[in-house]
Amino acid sequence: MDNQFKETFGSWTQAIGTVISAIAGTPSNVLDEEFRKNLDLIGNELQATGNALLADAEETWSLDKFGNIIQAIGNSTVILGLVIDFDEITKQELIIKGNLIQALGGGTALAGAYENPDEPEQAFNATGNLLQAIGNSMQAMGGIAELKNSILEKDQDKDQEQEEQDKEREQQKYQYPYLEEKQSDAELIQVMGGWVQAVGSVISLIGQLRSNEDENSGDGSSNESNSNDELA
């Protein structure tokens, strides 16, 4: 498996993974919570695989390679929060830390994109990594706010009347779906962050595809020049 194939396949895998995770993080009346959780798990596994392939394709140590390694570690941390049977607070903390690690990796890869500023595709890579870092940061911020709300709700003592109201509201939610409460600001931030990250990974993919075209056209021109030299 040559390095160009690793980079291309890794970019595709990462982009598909982020889109799948963004879909999983978007509330839907069609997809139930358990299915969305499994979808998010698949998305993070694809992202970790893609980042690992991108890091492996770099023969020498660089900021870009280091950034992809950090992102793969972040995805693995999110996966732990999704699959291991911890209490809910620990799970949320792991997911938040995983997103923060991914944001750090995106920022490191962003710095690496400026190592070769003369290459046209680096603008795509820089923009893509910037958006991914922003998206992961938004997901972490939303997760922190949601975790704080969960702790406050858990610690709050409810009286019998409040419990009855909650039961009645839960029953109404199933009988009358349009009465369901709107998303909290924390959830909206996480959803937006997931899609910002997805857009960033797609832009990075475009940059990789443009880089492949430039390399292939350069090889073609070189081979044609060698052929002309031999004929002469």
C-alpha atoms as a PDB file:
ATOM      1  CA  MET A   1       0.000   0.000   0.000  1.00  0.00           C
ATOM      2  CA  ASP A   2       1.770   3.180  -1.168  1.00  0.00           C
ATOM      3  CA  ASN A   3       1.613   6.452   0.751  1.00  0.00           C
ATOM      4  CA  GLN A   4      -0.639   8.243  -1.744  1.00  0.00           C
ATOM      5  CA  PHE A   5      -3.233   5.478  -1.486  1.00  0.00           C
ATOM      6  CA  LYS A   6      -3.040   5.595   2.328  1.00  0.00           C
ATOM      7  CA  GLU A   7      -3.569   9.362   2.302  1.00  0.00           C
ATOM      8  CA  THR A   8      -6.494   9.160  -0.118  1.00  0.00           C
ATOM      9  CA  PHE A   9      -8.185   6.213   1.599  1.00  0.00           C
ATOM     10  CA  GLY A  10      -7.549   7.771   5.015  1.00  0.00           C
ATOM     11  CA  SER A  11      -9.057  11.104   3.932  1.00  0.00           C
ATOM     12  CA  TRP A  12     -12.152   9.378   2.535  1.00  0.00           C
ATOM     13  CA  THR A  13     -12.547   7.255   5.678  1.00  0.00           C
ATOM     14  CA  GLN A  14     -12.169  10.252   7.970  1.00  0.00           C
ATOM     15  CA  ALA A  15     -14.656  12.346   5.980  1.00  0.00           C
ATOM     16  CA  ILE A  16     -17.252   9.561   5.896  1.00  0.00           C
ATOM     17  CA  GLY A  17     -16.783   8.993   9.624  1.00  0.00           C
ATOM     18  CA  THR A  18     -17.330  12.648  10.548  1.00  0.00           C
ATOM     19  CA  VAL A  19     -20.467  12.858   8.392  1.00  0.00           C
ATOM     20  CA  ILE A  20     -21.854   9.679  10.002  1.00  0.00           C
ATOM     21  CA  SER A  21     -21.126  11.071  13.493  1.00  0.00           C
ATOM     22  CA  ALA A  22     -22.793  14.373  12.555  1.00  0.00           C
ATOM     23  CA  ILE A  23     -25.902  12.505  11.419  1.00  0.00           C
ATOM     24  CA  ALA A  24     -25.853  10.463  14.632  1.00  0.00           C
ATOM     25  CA  GLY A  25     -25.622  13.616  16.745  1.00  0.00           C
ATOM     26  CA  THR A  26     -28.581  15.263  15.016  1.00  0.00           C
ATOM     27  CA  PRO A  27     -31.907  14.582  16.791  1.00  0.00           C
ATOM     28  CA  SER A  28     -34.375  12.754  14.578  1.00  0.00           C
ATOM     29  CA  ASN A  29     -37.859  11.333  14.852  1.00  0.00           C
ATOM     30  CA  VAL A  30     -36.845   8.536  12.467  1.00  0.00           C
ATOM     31  CA  LEU A  31     -33.695   7.260  14.207  1.00  0.00           C
ATOM     32  CA  ASP A  32     -34.048   6.122  17.811  1.00  0.00           C
ATOM     33  CA  GLU A  33     -31.442   6.947  20.452  1.00  0.00           C
ATOM     34  CA  GLU A  34     -29.856   3.478  20.505  1.00  0.00           C
ATOM     35  CA  PHE A  35     -29.417   3.427  16.724  1.00  0.00           C
ATOM     36  CA  ARG A  36     -27.885   6.915  16.774  1.00  0.00           C
ATOM     37  CA  LYS A  37     -25.461   5.827  19.505  1.00  0.00           C
ATOM     38  CA  ASN A  38     -24.338   2.861  17.384  1.00  0.00           C
ATOM     39  CA  LEU A  39     -24.045   5.158  14.375  1.00  0.00           C
ATOM     40  CA  ASP A  40     -21.865   7.552  16.366  1.00  0.00           C
ATOM     41  CA  LEU A  41     -19.666   4.623  17.400  1.00  0.00           C
ATOM     42  CA  ILE A  42     -19.185   3.591  13.771  1.00  0.00           C
ATOM     43  CA  GLY A  43     -18.425   7.183  12.792  1.00  0.00           C
ATOM     44  CA  ASN A  44     -15.721   7.558  15.442  1.00  0.00           C
ATOM     45  CA  GLU A  45     -14.193   4.204  14.515  1.00  0.00           C
ATOM     46  CA  LEU A  46     -13.942   5.346  10.897  1.00  0.00           C
ATOM     47  CA  GLN A  47     -12.425   8.660  11.979  1.00  0.00           C
ATOM     48  CA  ALA A  48      -9.824   6.906  14.131  1.00  0.00           C
ATOM     49  CA  THR A  49      -8.948   4.562  11.252  1.00  0.00           C
ATOM     50  CA  GLY A  50      -8.703   7.433   8.770  1.00  0.00           C
ATOM     51  CA  ASN A  51      -6.487   9.525  11.038  1.00  0.00           C
ATOM     52  CA  ALA A  52      -4.237   6.525  11.730  1.00  0.00           C
ATOM     53  CA  LEU A  53      -3.822   5.914   7.979  1.00  0.00           C
ATOM     54  CA  LEU A  54      -3.029   9.587   7.360  1.00  0.00           C
ATOM     55  CA  ALA A  55      -0.405   9.504  10.120  1.00  0.00           C
ATOM     56  CA  ASP A  56       1.100   6.273   8.785  1.00  0.00           C
ATOM     57  CA  ALA A  57       1.368   7.763   5.284  1.00  0.00           C
ATOM     58  CA  GLU A  58       3.789  10.407   6.586  1.00  0.00           C
ATOM     59  CA  GLU A  59       7.258   8.863   6.359  1.00  0.00           C
ATOM     60  CA  THR A  60       8.943  11.537   8.491  1.00  0.00           C
ATOM     61  CA  TRP A  61       7.804  13.153  11.707  1.00  0.00           C
ATOM     62  CA  SER A  62       5.939  16.402  11.142  1.00  0.00           C
ATOM     63  CA  LEU A  63       3.224  18.489  12.757  1.00  0.00           C
ATOM     64  CA  ASP A  64       0.704  17.031  10.313  1.00  0.00           C
ATOM     65  CA  LYS A  65       1.632  13.459  11.303  1.00  0.00           C
ATOM     66  CA  PHE A  66       1.583  14.324  14.998  1.00  0.00           C
ATOM     67  CA  GLY A  67      -1.788  16.056  14.616  1.00  0.00           C
ATOM     68  CA  ASN A  68      -3.360  13.003  12.973  1.00  0.00           C
ATOM     69  CA  ILE A  69      -2.028  10.770  15.754  1.00  0.00           C
ATOM     70  CA  ILE A  70      -3.557  13.056  18.387  1.00  0.00           C
ATOM     71  CA  GLN A  71      -6.903  13.054  16.535  1.00  0.00           C
ATOM     72  CA  ALA A  72      -6.876   9.251  16.403  1.00  0.00           C
ATOM     73  CA  ILE A  73      -6.276   9.172  20.177  1.00  0.00           C
ATOM     74  CA  GLY A  74      -9.192  11.583  20.642  1.00  0.00           C
ATOM     75  CA  ASN A  75     -11.512   9.392  18.590  1.00  0.00           C
ATOM     76  CA  SER A  76     -10.414   6.345  20.595  1.00  0.00           C
ATOM     77  CA  THR A  77     -11.244   8.201  23.821  1.00  0.00           C
ATOM     78  CA  VAL A  78     -14.743   8.994  22.523  1.00  0.00           C
ATOM     79  CA  ILE A  79     -15.152   5.317  21.576  1.00  0.00           C
ATOM     80  CA  LEU A  80     -14.282   4.315  25.157  1.00  0.00           C
ATOM     81  CA  GLY A  81     -16.975   6.665  26.431  1.00  0.00           C
ATOM     82  CA  LEU A  82     -19.521   5.062  24.107  1.00  0.00           C
ATOM     83  CA  VAL A  83     -18.775   1.354  24.642  1.00  0.00           C
ATOM     84  CA  ILE A  84     -17.459   0.870  28.188  1.00  0.00           C
ATOM     85  CA  ASP A  85     -20.063   0.357  30.900  1.00  0.00           C
ATOM     86  CA  PHE A  86     -19.277   3.382  33.075  1.00  0.00           C
ATOM     87  CA  ASP A  87     -21.774   5.582  34.859  1.00  0.00           C
ATOM     88  CA  GLU A  88     -23.345   8.277  32.692  1.00  0.00           C
ATOM     89  CA  ILE A  89     -21.222  11.136  34.061  1.00  0.00           C
ATOM     90  CA  THR A  90     -17.964   9.258  33.403  1.00  0.00           C
ATOM     91  CA  LYS A  91     -19.115   8.477  29.884  1.00  0.00           C
ATOM     92  CA  GLN A  92     -19.861  12.136  29.196  1.00  0.00           C
ATOM     93  CA  GLU A  93     -16.500  13.183  30.640  1.00  0.00           C
ATOM     94  CA  LEU A  94     -14.654  10.744  28.356  1.00  0.00           C
ATOM     95  CA  ILE A  95     -16.528  12.018  25.293  1.00  0.00           C
ATOM     96  CA  ILE A  96     -15.735  15.628  26.248  1.00  0.00           C
ATOM     97  CA  LYS A  97     -12.043  14.819  26.732  1.00  0.00           C
ATOM     98  CA  GLY A  98     -12.007  12.940  23.419  1.00  0.00           C
ATOM     99  CA  ASN A  99     -13.402  15.965  21.592  1.00  0.00           C
ATOM    100  CA  LEU A 100     -10.861  18.266  23.267  1.00  0.00           C
ATOM    101  CA  ILE A 101      -8.026  15.930  22.234  1.00  0.00           C
ATOM    102  CA  GLN A 102      -9.351  15.930  18.667  1.00  0.00           C
ATOM    103  CA  ALA A 103      -9.452  19.733  18.712  1.00  0.00           C
ATOM    104  CA  LEU A 104      -5.814  19.762  19.842  1.00  0.00           C
ATOM    105  CA  GLY A 105      -4.930  17.383  17.018  1.00  0.00           C
ATOM    106  CA  GLY A 106      -6.751  19.540  14.489  1.00  0.00           C
ATOM    107  CA  GLY A 107      -4.870  22.600  15.701  1.00  0.00           C
ATOM    108  CA  THR A 108      -1.550  20.764  15.432  1.00  0.00           C
ATOM    109  CA  ALA A 109      -2.361  19.599  11.894  1.00  0.00           C
ATOM    110  CA  LEU A 110      -3.390  23.179  11.063  1.00  0.00           C
ATOM    111  CA  ALA A 111       0.071  24.367  12.059  1.00  0.00           C
ATOM    112  CA  GLY A 112       1.552  21.569   9.956  1.00  0.00           C
ATOM    113  CA  ALA A 113      -0.340  22.800   6.905  1.00  0.00           C
ATOM    114  CA  TYR A 114       1.832  25.928   6.935  1.00  0.00           C
ATOM    115  CA  GLU A 115       5.061  23.939   6.681  1.00  0.00           C
ATOM    116  CA  ASN A 116       4.676  23.937   2.876  1.00  0.00           C
ATOM    117  CA  PRO A 117       2.755  27.169   2.169  1.00  0.00           C
ATOM    118  CA  ASP A 118       3.653  27.216  -1.534  1.00  0.00           C
ATOM    119  CA  GLU A 119       1.530  24.148  -2.304  1.00  0.00           C
ATOM    120  CA  PRO A 120      -1.991  25.221  -3.492  1.00  0.00           C
ATOM    121  CA  GLU A 121      -3.776  22.364  -1.727  1.00  0.00           C
ATOM    122  CA  GLN A 122      -2.438  23.510   1.652  1.00  0.00           C
ATOM    123  CA  ALA A 123      -5.155  26.182   1.700  1.00  0.00           C
ATOM    124  CA  PHE A 124      -7.753  23.379   1.679  1.00  0.00           C
ATOM    125  CA  ASN A 125      -5.873  21.451   4.372  1.00  0.00           C
ATOM    126  CA  ALA A 126      -5.506  24.535   6.573  1.00  0.00           C
ATOM    127  CA  THR A 127      -9.197  25.454   6.217  1.00  0.00           C
ATOM    128  CA  GLY A 128     -10.298  21.875   6.785  1.00  0.00           C
ATOM    129  CA  ASN A 129      -8.202  21.398   9.921  1.00  0.00           C
ATOM    130  CA  LEU A 130      -9.311  24.783  11.274  1.00  0.00           C
ATOM    131  CA  LEU A 131     -12.990  23.868  10.885  1.00  0.00           C
ATOM    132  CA  GLN A 132     -12.413  20.460  12.443  1.00  0.00           C
ATOM    133  CA  ALA A 133     -10.703  22.040  15.448  1.00  0.00           C
ATOM    134  CA  ILE A 134     -13.567  24.541  15.808  1.00  0.00           C
ATOM    135  CA  GLY A 135     -16.176  21.795  15.450  1.00  0.00           C
ATOM    136  CA  ASN A 136     -14.563  19.570  18.086  1.00  0.00           C
ATOM    137  CA  SER A 137     -14.229  22.546  20.436  1.00  0.00           C
ATOM    138  CA  MET A 138     -17.940  23.320  20.012  1.00  0.00           C
ATOM    139  CA  GLN A 139     -18.824  19.695  20.741  1.00  0.00           C
ATOM    140  CA  ALA A 140     -16.683  19.775  23.889  1.00  0.00           C
ATOM    141  CA  MET A 141     -18.222  23.076  25.040  1.00  0.00           C
ATOM    142  CA  GLY A 142     -21.738  21.756  24.461  1.00  0.00           C
ATOM    143  CA  GLY A 143     -20.841  18.541  26.269  1.00  0.00           C
ATOM    144  CA  ILE A 144     -19.503  20.452  29.282  1.00  0.00           C
ATOM    145  CA  ALA A 145     -22.685  22.552  29.493  1.00  0.00           C
ATOM    146  CA  GLU A 146     -24.854  19.445  29.175  1.00  0.00           C
ATOM    147  CA  LEU A 147     -22.840  17.652  31.855  1.00  0.00           C
ATOM    148  CA  LYS A 148     -23.296  20.566  34.260  1.00  0.00           C
ATOM    149  CA  ASN A 149     -27.044  20.546  33.605  1.00  0.00           C
ATOM    150  CA  SER A 150     -27.193  16.790  34.210  1.00  0.00           C
ATOM    151  CA  ILE A 151     -25.376  17.114  37.540  1.00  0.00           C
ATOM    152  CA  LEU A 152     -27.662  19.946  38.667  1.00  0.00           C
ATOM    153  CA  GLU A 153     -30.770  17.981  37.723  1.00  0.00           C
ATOM    154  CA  LYS A 154     -29.447  14.883  39.457  1.00  0.00           C
ATOM    155  CA  ASP A 155     -28.667  16.748  42.680  1.00  0.00           C
ATOM    156  CA  GLN A 156     -31.982  18.576  42.732  1.00  0.00           C
ATOM    157  CA  ASP A 157     -34.566  17.085  45.110  1.00  0.00           C
ATOM    158  CA  LYS A 158     -37.990  16.802  43.562  1.00  0.00           C
ATOM    159  CA  ASP A 159     -41.146  16.660  45.628  1.00  0.00           C
ATOM    160  CA  GLN A 160     -44.046  14.289  44.893  1.00  0.00           C
ATOM    161  CA  GLU A 161     -45.988  16.883  42.941  1.00  0.00           C
ATOM    162  CA  GLN A 162     -43.042  17.540  40.637  1.00  0.00           C
ATOM    163  CA  GLU A 163     -42.623  13.804  40.004  1.00  0.00           C
ATOM    164  CA  GLU A 164     -46.268  13.492  39.025  1.00  0.00           C
ATOM    165  CA  GLN A 165     -45.896  16.413  36.655  1.00  0.00           C
ATOM    166  CA  ASP A 166     -42.868  14.748  35.079  1.00  0.00           C
ATOM    167  CA  LYS A 167     -44.813  11.510  34.570  1.00  0.00           C
ATOM    168  CA  GLU A 168     -47.704  13.400  33.013  1.00  0.00           C
ATOM    169  CA  ARG A 169     -45.329  15.301  30.729  1.00  0.00           C
ATOM    170  CA  GLU A 170     -43.630  12.053  29.683  1.00  0.00           C
ATOM    171  CA  GLN A 171     -47.007  10.522  28.850  1.00  0.00           C
ATOM    172  CA  GLN A 172     -48.010  13.565  26.827  1.00  0.00           C
ATOM    173  CA  LYS A 173     -44.738  13.362  24.885  1.00  0.00           C
ATOM    174  CA  TYR A 174     -45.712   9.961  23.533  1.00  0.00           C
ATOM    175  CA  GLN A 175     -49.352  10.836  22.971  1.00  0.00           C
ATOM    176  CA  TYR A 176     -48.670  14.250  21.475  1.00  0.00           C
ATOM    177  CA  PRO A 177     -45.165  14.355  19.909  1.00  0.00           C
ATOM    178  CA  TYR A 178     -45.490  18.039  19.009  1.00  0.00           C
ATOM    179  CA  LEU A 179     -45.489  18.886  22.734  1.00  0.00           C
ATOM    180  CA  GLU A 180     -41.932  17.541  23.138  1.00  0.00           C
ATOM    181  CA  GLU A 181     -39.510  20.053  24.591  1.00  0.00           C
ATOM    182  CA  LYS A 182     -37.125  21.856  22.293  1.00  0.00           C
ATOM    183  CA  GLN A 183     -33.421  21.114  22.255  1.00  0.00           C
ATOM    184  CA  SER A 184     -31.282  22.814  24.856  1.00  0.00           C
ATOM    185  CA  ASP A 185     -28.580  25.255  23.840  1.00  0.00           C
ATOM    186  CA  ALA A 186     -25.931  22.684  24.817  1.00  0.00           C
ATOM    187  CA  GLU A 187     -27.405  20.107  22.432  1.00  0.00           C
ATOM    188  CA  LEU A 188     -27.624  22.648  19.608  1.00  0.00           C
ATOM    189  CA  ILE A 189     -23.961  23.592  20.075  1.00  0.00           C
ATOM    190  CA  GLN A 190     -22.963  19.924  19.875  1.00  0.00           C
ATOM    191  CA  VAL A 191     -25.024  19.359  16.727  1.00  0.00           C
ATOM    192  CA  MET A 192     -23.569  22.442  15.041  1.00  0.00           C
ATOM    193  CA  GLY A 193     -20.064  21.412  16.089  1.00  0.00           C
ATOM    194  CA  GLY A 194     -20.511  17.963  14.560  1.00  0.00           C
ATOM    195  CA  TRP A 195     -21.509  19.418  11.202  1.00  0.00           C
ATOM    196  CA  VAL A 196     -18.716  22.026  11.270  1.00  0.00           C
ATOM    197  CA  GLN A 197     -16.247  19.185  11.808  1.00  0.00           C
ATOM    198  CA  ALA A 198     -17.839  17.217   8.957  1.00  0.00           C
ATOM    199  CA  VAL A 199     -17.519  20.173   6.564  1.00  0.00           C
ATOM    200  CA  GLY A 200     -13.876  20.579   7.600  1.00  0.00           C
ATOM    201  CA  SER A 201     -13.053  16.940   6.900  1.00  0.00           C
ATOM    202  CA  VAL A 202     -14.688  17.133   3.462  1.00  0.00           C
ATOM    203  CA  ILE A 203     -12.619  20.236   2.635  1.00  0.00           C
ATOM    204  CA  SER A 204      -9.472  18.377   3.726  1.00  0.00           C
ATOM    205  CA  LEU A 205     -10.508  15.508   1.456  1.00  0.00           C
ATOM    206  CA  ILE A 206     -10.823  17.918  -1.474  1.00  0.00           C
ATOM    207  CA  GLY A 207      -7.319  19.193  -0.723  1.00  0.00           C
ATOM    208  CA  GLN A 208      -5.970  15.633  -0.737  1.00  0.00           C
ATOM    209  CA  LEU A 209      -7.655  14.853  -4.068  1.00  0.00           C
ATOM    210  CA  ARG A 210      -6.214  18.032  -5.605  1.00  0.00           C
ATOM    211  CA  SER A 211      -2.782  17.051  -4.299  1.00  0.00           C
ATOM    212  CA  ASN A 212      -3.143  13.657  -5.986  1.00  0.00           C
ATOM    213  CA  GLU A 213      -4.032  15.320  -9.285  1.00  0.00           C
ATOM    214  CA  ASP A 214      -0.995  17.590  -9.081  1.00  0.00           C
ATOM    215  CA  GLU A 215       1.318  14.672  -8.306  1.00  0.00           C
ATOM    216  CA  ASN A 216      -0.103  12.514 -11.080  1.00  0.00           C
ATOM    217  CA  SER A 217       0.090  15.315 -13.632  1.00  0.00           C
ATOM    218  CA  GLY A 218       3.657  16.010 -12.531  1.00  0.00           C
ATOM    219  CA  ASP A 219       4.601  12.361 -12.972  1.00  0.00           C
ATOM    220  CA  GLY A 220       2.989  12.338 -16.402  1.00  0.00           C
ATOM    221  CA  SER A 221       4.901  15.401 -17.498  1.00  0.00           C
ATOM    222  CA  SER A 222       8.153  13.919 -16.191  1.00  0.00           C
ATOM    223  CA  ASN A 223       7.617  10.639 -18.026  1.00  0.00           C
ATOM    224  CA  GLU A 224       6.804  12.484 -21.266  1.00  0.00           C
ATOM    225  CA  SER A 225       9.968  14.558 -20.927  1.00  0.00           C
ATOM    226  CA  ASN A 226      12.089  11.437 -20.389  1.00  0.00           C
ATOM    227  CA  SER A 227      10.560   9.818 -23.466  1.00  0.00           C
ATOM    228  CA  ASN A 228      11.374  12.844 -25.586  1.00  0.00           C
ATOM    229  CA  ASP A 229      14.974  12.827 -24.314  1.00  0.00           C
ATOM    230  CA  GLU A 230      15.348   9.159 -25.264  1.00  0.00           C
ATOM    231  CA  LEU A 231      14.018   9.786 -28.772  1.00  0.00           C
ATOM    232  CA  ALA A 232      16.398  12.686 -29.228  1.00  0.00           C
END
